Amino acid sequence: MRLKLKLTPGQRLHAMLDARELVIGAIRARLRAEHPDLSVPELNLKVFEEIERVKRFPQPPRFLR
């Protein structure tokens, strides 16, 4: 957390986008392994469905994040 405080707002945004890219890539790789026959648009739809599915989980209390 201390490292984040030393970053400029632009650097924090860049770090957040990098983390998002990593997570989306991991989801995409898992779905590609599970569904190797899907086209790219179909795989993209599966990625969006997975993100929406995860959003329905209850969020942990703020102090645990």
Protein backbone atom coordinates (compact mmCIF):
# COMPACT_ATOMS: atom_id res chain seq x y z
CA MET A 1 0.00 0.00 0.00
CA ARG A 2 2.84 2.39 0.80
CA LEU A 3 4.24 1.89 -2.68
CA LYS A 4 0.93 3.01 -4.18
CA LEU A 5 1.00 6.21 -2.13
CA LYS A 6 4.32 7.16 -3.71
CA LEU A 7 2.93 6.85 -7.23
CA THR A 8 1.50 9.76 -9.14
CA PRO A 9 -2.17 9.50 -10.10
CA GLY A 10 -1.13 8.64 -13.64
CA GLN A 11 1.17 5.89 -12.44
CA ARG A 12 -1.60 4.48 -10.22
CA LEU A 13 -3.96 4.43 -13.19
CA HIS A 14 -1.33 2.68 -15.30
CA ALA A 15 -0.77 0.06 -12.56
CA MET A 16 -4.52 -0.52 -12.31
CA LEU A 17 -4.84 -0.99 -16.06
CA ASP A 18 -1.89 -3.39 -16.07
CA ALA A 19 -3.52 -5.44 -13.30
CA ARG A 20 -6.81 -5.47 -15.20
CA GLU A 21 -5.07 -6.66 -18.36
CA LEU A 22 -3.43 -9.48 -16.41
CA VAL A 23 -6.74 -10.63 -14.90
CA ILE A 24 -8.63 -10.46 -18.20
CA GLY A 25 -5.80 -12.38 -19.89
CA ALA A 26 -6.00 -15.11 -17.24
CA ILE A 27 -9.78 -15.36 -17.66
CA ARG A 28 -9.41 -15.48 -21.44
CA ALA A 29 -6.72 -18.20 -21.25
CA ARG A 30 -8.85 -20.35 -18.93
CA LEU A 31 -11.92 -19.96 -21.12
CA ARG A 32 -9.89 -20.69 -24.28
CA ALA A 33 -8.66 -23.93 -22.68
CA GLU A 34 -12.22 -24.86 -21.69
CA HIS A 35 -13.73 -23.89 -25.06
CA PRO A 36 -11.06 -24.25 -27.78
CA ASP A 37 -13.67 -24.26 -30.53
CA LEU A 38 -14.99 -20.73 -29.84
CA SER A 39 -14.35 -17.87 -32.24
CA VAL A 40 -12.79 -14.64 -30.91
CA PRO A 41 -16.18 -12.83 -30.67
CA GLU A 42 -17.69 -15.83 -28.86
CA LEU A 43 -14.73 -15.95 -26.50
CA ASN A 44 -15.11 -12.22 -25.80
CA LEU A 45 -18.75 -12.80 -24.90
CA LYS A 46 -17.71 -15.58 -22.51
CA VAL A 47 -15.20 -13.21 -20.88
CA PHE A 48 -17.94 -10.61 -20.34
CA GLU A 49 -20.28 -13.28 -18.97
CA GLU A 50 -17.58 -14.40 -16.53
CA ILE A 51 -17.00 -10.83 -15.32
CA GLU A 52 -20.74 -10.34 -14.78
CA ARG A 53 -20.97 -13.67 -12.95
CA VAL A 54 -18.20 -12.66 -10.55
CA LYS A 55 -19.83 -9.28 -9.90
CA ARG A 56 -22.82 -11.09 -8.37
CA PHE A 57 -20.69 -12.47 -5.51
CA PRO A 58 -21.02 -10.56 -2.24
CA GLN A 59 -18.21 -8.09 -1.68
CA PRO A 60 -15.92 -8.50 1.37
CA PRO A 61 -16.04 -5.78 4.02
CA ARG A 62 -14.04 -2.70 3.02
CA PHE A 63 -11.38 -3.24 5.70
CA LEU A 64 -10.48 -6.64 4.21
CA ARG A 65 -9.70 -5.26 0.75
